[in-house]
Amino acid sequence: MVVPAPVPAPPPAPTTVPRRQPTSAEIDQAIAGLRPYVRSLLPINPTHAQVAELGDKICTAFDEGQSAAQVKATGAQLVKKVPFATLLRGGDDYILRTGVALYCPGHAPRLG
């Protein structure tokens, strides 16, 4: 008698949290707060759209079940793509916590 192989359980459904739209002043404050964490030969002036894109990537990564460490690494990689820019110690944590606070505060408990 042939016993069928067990069917693997489907992966858990993503956990999405509500998104919020930060004010222009909140985004400006976040950009200003990032400057001490980035060393660059050129001025670092991300646009509001770039900040929103990063916030969406952070929230989506958490929605898809990534850990805080994985999401932090993703944010750091995005900054490293900026020519002549270096992310200093604590910058990855600032990006992660600020992105969650601005765009998906429901994921705050996952920050640890």
N, C-alpha and C. Protein backbone atom coordinates (compact mmCIF):
# COMPACT_ATOMS: atom_id res chain seq x y z
N MET A 1 0.85 -1.17 0.00
CA MET A 1 0.00 0.00 0.00
C MET A 1 0.90 1.24 0.00
N VAL A 2 0.57 2.21 -0.84
CA VAL A 2 1.34 3.45 -0.95
C VAL A 2 0.65 4.52 -0.12
N VAL A 3 1.41 5.11 0.77
CA VAL A 3 0.86 6.18 1.61
C VAL A 3 1.23 7.51 0.96
N PRO A 4 0.23 8.35 0.69
CA PRO A 4 0.57 9.64 0.06
C PRO A 4 1.37 10.52 1.02
N ALA A 5 2.23 11.30 0.41
CA ALA A 5 3.03 12.23 1.21
C ALA A 5 2.12 13.29 1.80
N PRO A 6 2.43 13.72 3.01
CA PRO A 6 1.59 14.77 3.61
C PRO A 6 1.67 16.06 2.80
N VAL A 7 0.56 16.73 2.75
CA VAL A 7 0.50 18.01 2.04
C VAL A 7 1.00 19.10 2.98
N PRO A 8 2.01 19.86 2.54
CA PRO A 8 2.51 20.91 3.43
C PRO A 8 1.46 21.98 3.68
N ALA A 9 1.50 22.53 4.86
CA ALA A 9 0.56 23.59 5.21
C ALA A 9 0.90 24.84 4.40
N PRO A 10 -0.11 25.58 3.99
CA PRO A 10 0.18 26.81 3.25
C PRO A 10 0.87 27.83 4.16
N PRO A 11 1.67 28.70 3.58
CA PRO A 11 2.33 29.71 4.42
C PRO A 11 1.28 30.62 5.06
N PRO A 12 1.59 31.16 6.22
CA PRO A 12 0.62 32.05 6.87
C PRO A 12 0.36 33.28 6.00
N ALA A 13 -0.86 33.75 6.07
CA ALA A 13 -1.23 34.94 5.31
C ALA A 13 -0.47 36.15 5.84
N PRO A 14 -0.09 37.06 4.95
CA PRO A 14 0.60 38.26 5.42
C PRO A 14 -0.26 39.03 6.41
N THR A 15 0.39 39.65 7.36
CA THR A 15 -0.29 40.48 8.34
C THR A 15 -0.10 41.93 7.94
N THR A 16 -1.14 42.54 7.44
CA THR A 16 -1.01 43.94 7.07
C THR A 16 -1.56 44.81 8.19
N VAL A 17 -0.95 45.94 8.34
CA VAL A 17 -1.43 46.91 9.32
C VAL A 17 -1.83 48.16 8.54
N PRO A 18 -2.71 48.96 9.11
CA PRO A 18 -3.09 50.18 8.42
C PRO A 18 -1.90 51.11 8.21
N ARG A 19 -1.91 51.77 7.08
CA ARG A 19 -0.87 52.75 6.77
C ARG A 19 -1.39 54.13 7.16
N ARG A 20 -0.47 55.01 7.45
CA ARG A 20 -0.84 56.40 7.72
C ARG A 20 -0.07 57.29 6.76
N GLN A 21 -0.58 58.47 6.54
CA GLN A 21 0.07 59.45 5.68
C GLN A 21 0.65 60.54 6.57
N PRO A 22 1.99 60.57 6.71
CA PRO A 22 2.59 61.60 7.57
C PRO A 22 2.46 62.98 6.94
N THR A 23 2.54 63.97 7.78
CA THR A 23 2.49 65.35 7.30
C THR A 23 3.83 65.70 6.66
N SER A 24 3.81 66.77 5.91
CA SER A 24 5.03 67.27 5.29
C SER A 24 6.07 67.62 6.36
N ALA A 25 5.60 68.20 7.45
CA ALA A 25 6.52 68.57 8.54
C ALA A 25 7.15 67.32 9.17
N GLU A 26 6.39 66.25 9.31
CA GLU A 26 6.94 65.01 9.88
C GLU A 26 8.02 64.44 8.97
N ILE A 27 7.79 64.50 7.66
CA ILE A 27 8.78 63.98 6.72
C ILE A 27 10.04 64.85 6.75
N ASP A 28 9.86 66.16 6.79
CA ASP A 28 11.02 67.05 6.88
C ASP A 28 11.83 66.78 8.15
N GLN A 29 11.14 66.53 9.25
CA GLN A 29 11.81 66.22 10.51
C GLN A 29 12.56 64.90 10.40
N ALA A 30 11.97 63.92 9.74
CA ALA A 30 12.64 62.62 9.56
C ALA A 30 13.90 62.77 8.72
N ILE A 31 13.82 63.57 7.66
CA ILE A 31 14.99 63.80 6.81
C ILE A 31 16.09 64.50 7.61
N ALA A 32 15.73 65.50 8.37
CA ALA A 32 16.71 66.21 9.19
C ALA A 32 17.34 65.27 10.22
N GLY A 33 16.54 64.37 10.77
CA GLY A 33 17.05 63.42 11.76
C GLY A 33 17.99 62.39 11.17
N LEU A 34 17.88 62.15 9.86
CA LEU A 34 18.74 61.17 9.21
C LEU A 34 20.15 61.71 8.97
N ARG A 35 20.26 62.99 8.78
CA ARG A 35 21.55 63.60 8.40
C ARG A 35 22.72 63.23 9.32
N PRO A 36 22.55 63.19 10.64
CA PRO A 36 23.70 62.82 11.48
C PRO A 36 24.17 61.37 11.29
N TYR A 37 23.33 60.55 10.65
CA TYR A 37 23.67 59.14 10.47
C TYR A 37 24.27 58.84 9.10
N VAL A 38 24.39 59.86 8.26
CA VAL A 38 24.91 59.65 6.91
C VAL A 38 26.10 60.57 6.69
N ARG A 39 27.21 59.98 6.27
CA ARG A 39 28.37 60.77 5.87
C ARG A 39 28.41 60.72 4.35
N SER A 40 28.54 61.90 3.74
CA SER A 40 28.50 61.94 2.28
C SER A 40 29.34 63.10 1.76
N LEU A 41 29.91 62.89 0.58
CA LEU A 41 30.65 63.96 -0.08
C LEU A 41 29.68 64.96 -0.71
N LEU A 42 28.50 64.50 -1.03
CA LEU A 42 27.47 65.34 -1.64
C LEU A 42 26.33 65.52 -0.64
N PRO A 43 25.58 66.61 -0.74
CA PRO A 43 24.44 66.78 0.16
C PRO A 43 23.41 65.66 -0.03
N ILE A 44 22.88 65.18 1.07
CA ILE A 44 21.84 64.15 1.03
C ILE A 44 20.52 64.86 1.24
N ASN A 45 19.70 64.89 0.22
CA ASN A 45 18.41 65.56 0.30
C ASN A 45 17.33 64.67 -0.32
N PRO A 46 16.92 63.63 0.38
CA PRO A 46 15.87 62.78 -0.19
C PRO A 46 14.57 63.58 -0.34
N THR A 47 13.83 63.23 -1.36
CA THR A 47 12.53 63.88 -1.59
C THR A 47 11.48 63.22 -0.71
N HIS A 48 10.35 63.88 -0.60
CA HIS A 48 9.24 63.29 0.15
C HIS A 48 8.80 61.99 -0.50
N ALA A 49 8.84 61.93 -1.82
CA ALA A 49 8.46 60.70 -2.54
C ALA A 49 9.42 59.56 -2.22
N GLN A 50 10.71 59.87 -2.11
CA GLN A 50 11.69 58.83 -1.78
C GLN A 50 11.49 58.33 -0.35
N VAL A 51 11.17 59.22 0.55
CA VAL A 51 10.89 58.82 1.93
C VAL A 51 9.65 57.94 1.97
N ALA A 52 8.62 58.32 1.22
CA ALA A 52 7.38 57.53 1.18
C ALA A 52 7.65 56.15 0.59
N GLU A 53 8.49 56.09 -0.44
CA GLU A 53 8.81 54.80 -1.05
C GLU A 53 9.54 53.90 -0.04
N LEU A 54 10.48 54.46 0.68
CA LEU A 54 11.20 53.68 1.69
C LEU A 54 10.23 53.24 2.79
N GLY A 55 9.36 54.14 3.24
CA GLY A 55 8.37 53.77 4.25
C GLY A 55 7.49 52.63 3.78
N ASP A 56 7.07 52.68 2.53
CA ASP A 56 6.24 51.60 1.99
C ASP A 56 7.00 50.28 1.95
N LYS A 57 8.28 50.34 1.58
CA LYS A 57 9.09 49.11 1.54
C LYS A 57 9.25 48.52 2.94
N ILE A 58 9.45 49.38 3.93
CA ILE A 58 9.58 48.91 5.31
C ILE A 58 8.29 48.24 5.76
N CYS A 59 7.17 48.91 5.55
CA CYS A 59 5.88 48.37 5.99
C CYS A 59 5.54 47.08 5.27
N THR A 60 5.77 47.03 3.96
CA THR A 60 5.48 45.84 3.18
C THR A 60 6.34 44.67 3.63
N ALA A 61 7.61 44.94 3.91
CA ALA A 61 8.50 43.87 4.38
C ALA A 61 7.99 43.28 5.69
N PHE A 62 7.55 44.14 6.62
CA PHE A 62 6.98 43.63 7.87
C PHE A 62 5.68 42.88 7.58
N ASP A 63 4.85 43.41 6.69
CA ASP A 63 3.60 42.73 6.33
C ASP A 63 3.88 41.32 5.82
N GLU A 64 4.98 41.16 5.09
CA GLU A 64 5.32 39.86 4.50
C GLU A 64 6.04 38.94 5.48
N GLY A 65 6.22 39.39 6.71
CA GLY A 65 6.77 38.52 7.74
C GLY A 65 8.27 38.62 7.97
N GLN A 66 8.93 39.59 7.35
CA GLN A 66 10.36 39.72 7.59
C GLN A 66 10.61 40.18 9.02
N SER A 67 11.76 39.82 9.54
CA SER A 67 12.14 40.23 10.89
C SER A 67 12.64 41.67 10.85
N ALA A 68 12.76 42.27 12.02
CA ALA A 68 13.28 43.63 12.12
C ALA A 68 14.70 43.69 11.56
N ALA A 69 15.51 42.67 11.82
CA ALA A 69 16.89 42.66 11.31
C ALA A 69 16.91 42.62 9.78
N GLN A 70 16.02 41.85 9.18
CA GLN A 70 15.96 41.79 7.72
C GLN A 70 15.53 43.13 7.13
N VAL A 71 14.53 43.75 7.74
CA VAL A 71 14.03 45.02 7.24
C VAL A 71 15.09 46.11 7.42
N LYS A 72 15.79 46.07 8.54
CA LYS A 72 16.86 47.03 8.81
C LYS A 72 17.94 46.93 7.74
N ALA A 73 18.29 45.72 7.37
CA ALA A 73 19.32 45.52 6.34
C ALA A 73 18.86 46.06 4.99
N THR A 74 17.60 45.91 4.69
CA THR A 74 17.06 46.43 3.43
C THR A 74 17.16 47.95 3.40
N GLY A 75 16.78 48.61 4.47
CA GLY A 75 16.88 50.08 4.54
C GLY A 75 18.31 50.55 4.40
N ALA A 76 19.22 49.84 5.04
CA ALA A 76 20.63 50.21 4.96
C ALA A 76 21.15 50.06 3.54
N GLN A 77 20.72 49.01 2.84
CA GLN A 77 21.15 48.80 1.45
C GLN A 77 20.70 49.94 0.55
N LEU A 78 19.51 50.47 0.80
CA LEU A 78 19.02 51.57 -0.03
C LEU A 78 19.88 52.81 0.14
N VAL A 79 20.31 53.09 1.37
CA VAL A 79 21.17 54.26 1.60
C VAL A 79 22.53 54.02 0.94
N LYS A 80 23.02 52.80 0.99
CA LYS A 80 24.33 52.50 0.42
C LYS A 80 24.35 52.67 -1.10
N LYS A 81 23.18 52.68 -1.73
CA LYS A 81 23.12 52.90 -3.18
C LYS A 81 23.35 54.36 -3.56
N VAL A 82 23.27 55.24 -2.59
CA VAL A 82 23.49 56.66 -2.85
C VAL A 82 25.00 56.87 -3.06
N PRO A 83 25.38 57.46 -4.20
CA PRO A 83 26.82 57.65 -4.46
C PRO A 83 27.51 58.46 -3.35
N PHE A 84 28.66 57.99 -2.96
CA PHE A 84 29.53 58.68 -1.99
C PHE A 84 28.89 58.82 -0.62
N ALA A 85 27.96 57.93 -0.26
CA ALA A 85 27.30 58.02 1.04
C ALA A 85 27.64 56.80 1.88
N THR A 86 27.82 57.02 3.17
CA THR A 86 28.09 55.96 4.13
C THR A 86 27.09 56.09 5.27
N LEU A 87 26.44 55.00 5.59
CA LEU A 87 25.50 54.98 6.72
C LEU A 87 26.30 54.70 7.98
N LEU A 88 26.21 55.59 8.95
CA LEU A 88 26.96 55.47 10.19
C LEU A 88 26.21 54.61 11.20
N ARG A 89 26.91 54.23 12.28
CA ARG A 89 26.31 53.40 13.33
C ARG A 89 25.01 54.02 13.84
N GLY A 90 24.00 53.20 13.92
CA GLY A 90 22.69 53.63 14.41
C GLY A 90 21.77 54.12 13.30
N GLY A 91 22.31 54.34 12.12
CA GLY A 91 21.49 54.84 11.02
C GLY A 91 20.44 53.85 10.57
N ASP A 92 20.80 52.57 10.53
CA ASP A 92 19.82 51.57 10.12
C ASP A 92 18.66 51.48 11.11
N ASP A 93 18.97 51.61 12.39
CA ASP A 93 17.92 51.59 13.40
C ASP A 93 17.03 52.84 13.28
N TYR A 94 17.65 54.00 13.02
CA TYR A 94 16.88 55.23 12.84
C TYR A 94 15.92 55.10 11.65
N ILE A 95 16.42 54.57 10.54
CA ILE A 95 15.59 54.41 9.35
C ILE A 95 14.41 53.49 9.65
N LEU A 96 14.68 52.37 10.29
CA LEU A 96 13.63 51.40 10.60
C LEU A 96 12.57 52.00 11.53
N ARG A 97 13.00 52.54 12.64
CA ARG A 97 12.05 53.07 13.62
C ARG A 97 11.26 54.26 13.07
N THR A 98 11.93 55.12 12.33
CA THR A 98 11.25 56.28 11.78
C THR A 98 10.26 55.87 10.70
N GLY A 99 10.65 54.94 9.85
CA GLY A 99 9.73 54.45 8.81
C GLY A 99 8.47 53.85 9.40
N VAL A 100 8.63 53.05 10.44
CA VAL A 100 7.47 52.45 11.10
C VAL A 100 6.61 53.52 11.75
N ALA A 101 7.23 54.45 12.46
CA ALA A 101 6.47 55.50 13.13
C ALA A 101 5.70 56.36 12.14
N LEU A 102 6.31 56.66 11.00
CA LEU A 102 5.65 57.53 10.03
C LEU A 102 4.56 56.83 9.23
N TYR A 103 4.79 55.57 8.85
CA TYR A 103 3.91 54.94 7.88
C TYR A 103 3.10 53.75 8.37
N CYS A 104 3.59 53.01 9.33
CA CYS A 104 2.84 51.82 9.78
C CYS A 104 3.10 51.57 11.27
N PRO A 105 2.61 52.46 12.13
CA PRO A 105 2.89 52.32 13.56
C PRO A 105 2.34 51.02 14.17
N GLY A 106 1.46 50.35 13.48
CA GLY A 106 0.97 49.06 13.96
C GLY A 106 2.05 48.00 14.03
N HIS A 107 3.14 48.20 13.31
CA HIS A 107 4.25 47.26 13.36
C HIS A 107 5.26 47.59 14.45
N ALA A 108 5.03 48.64 15.22
CA ALA A 108 5.97 49.05 16.28
C ALA A 108 6.31 47.90 17.24
N PRO A 109 5.34 47.03 17.63
CA PRO A 109 5.71 45.94 18.54
C PRO A 109 6.75 44.98 17.98
N ARG A 110 6.92 44.95 16.66
CA ARG A 110 7.89 44.04 16.05
C ARG A 110 9.31 44.58 16.08
N LEU A 111 9.47 45.83 16.52
CA LEU A 111 10.80 46.43 16.55
C LEU A 111 11.66 45.91 17.69
N GLY A 112 11.01 45.37 18.69
CA GLY A 112 11.75 44.79 19.80
C GLY A 112 12.19 45.73 20.85
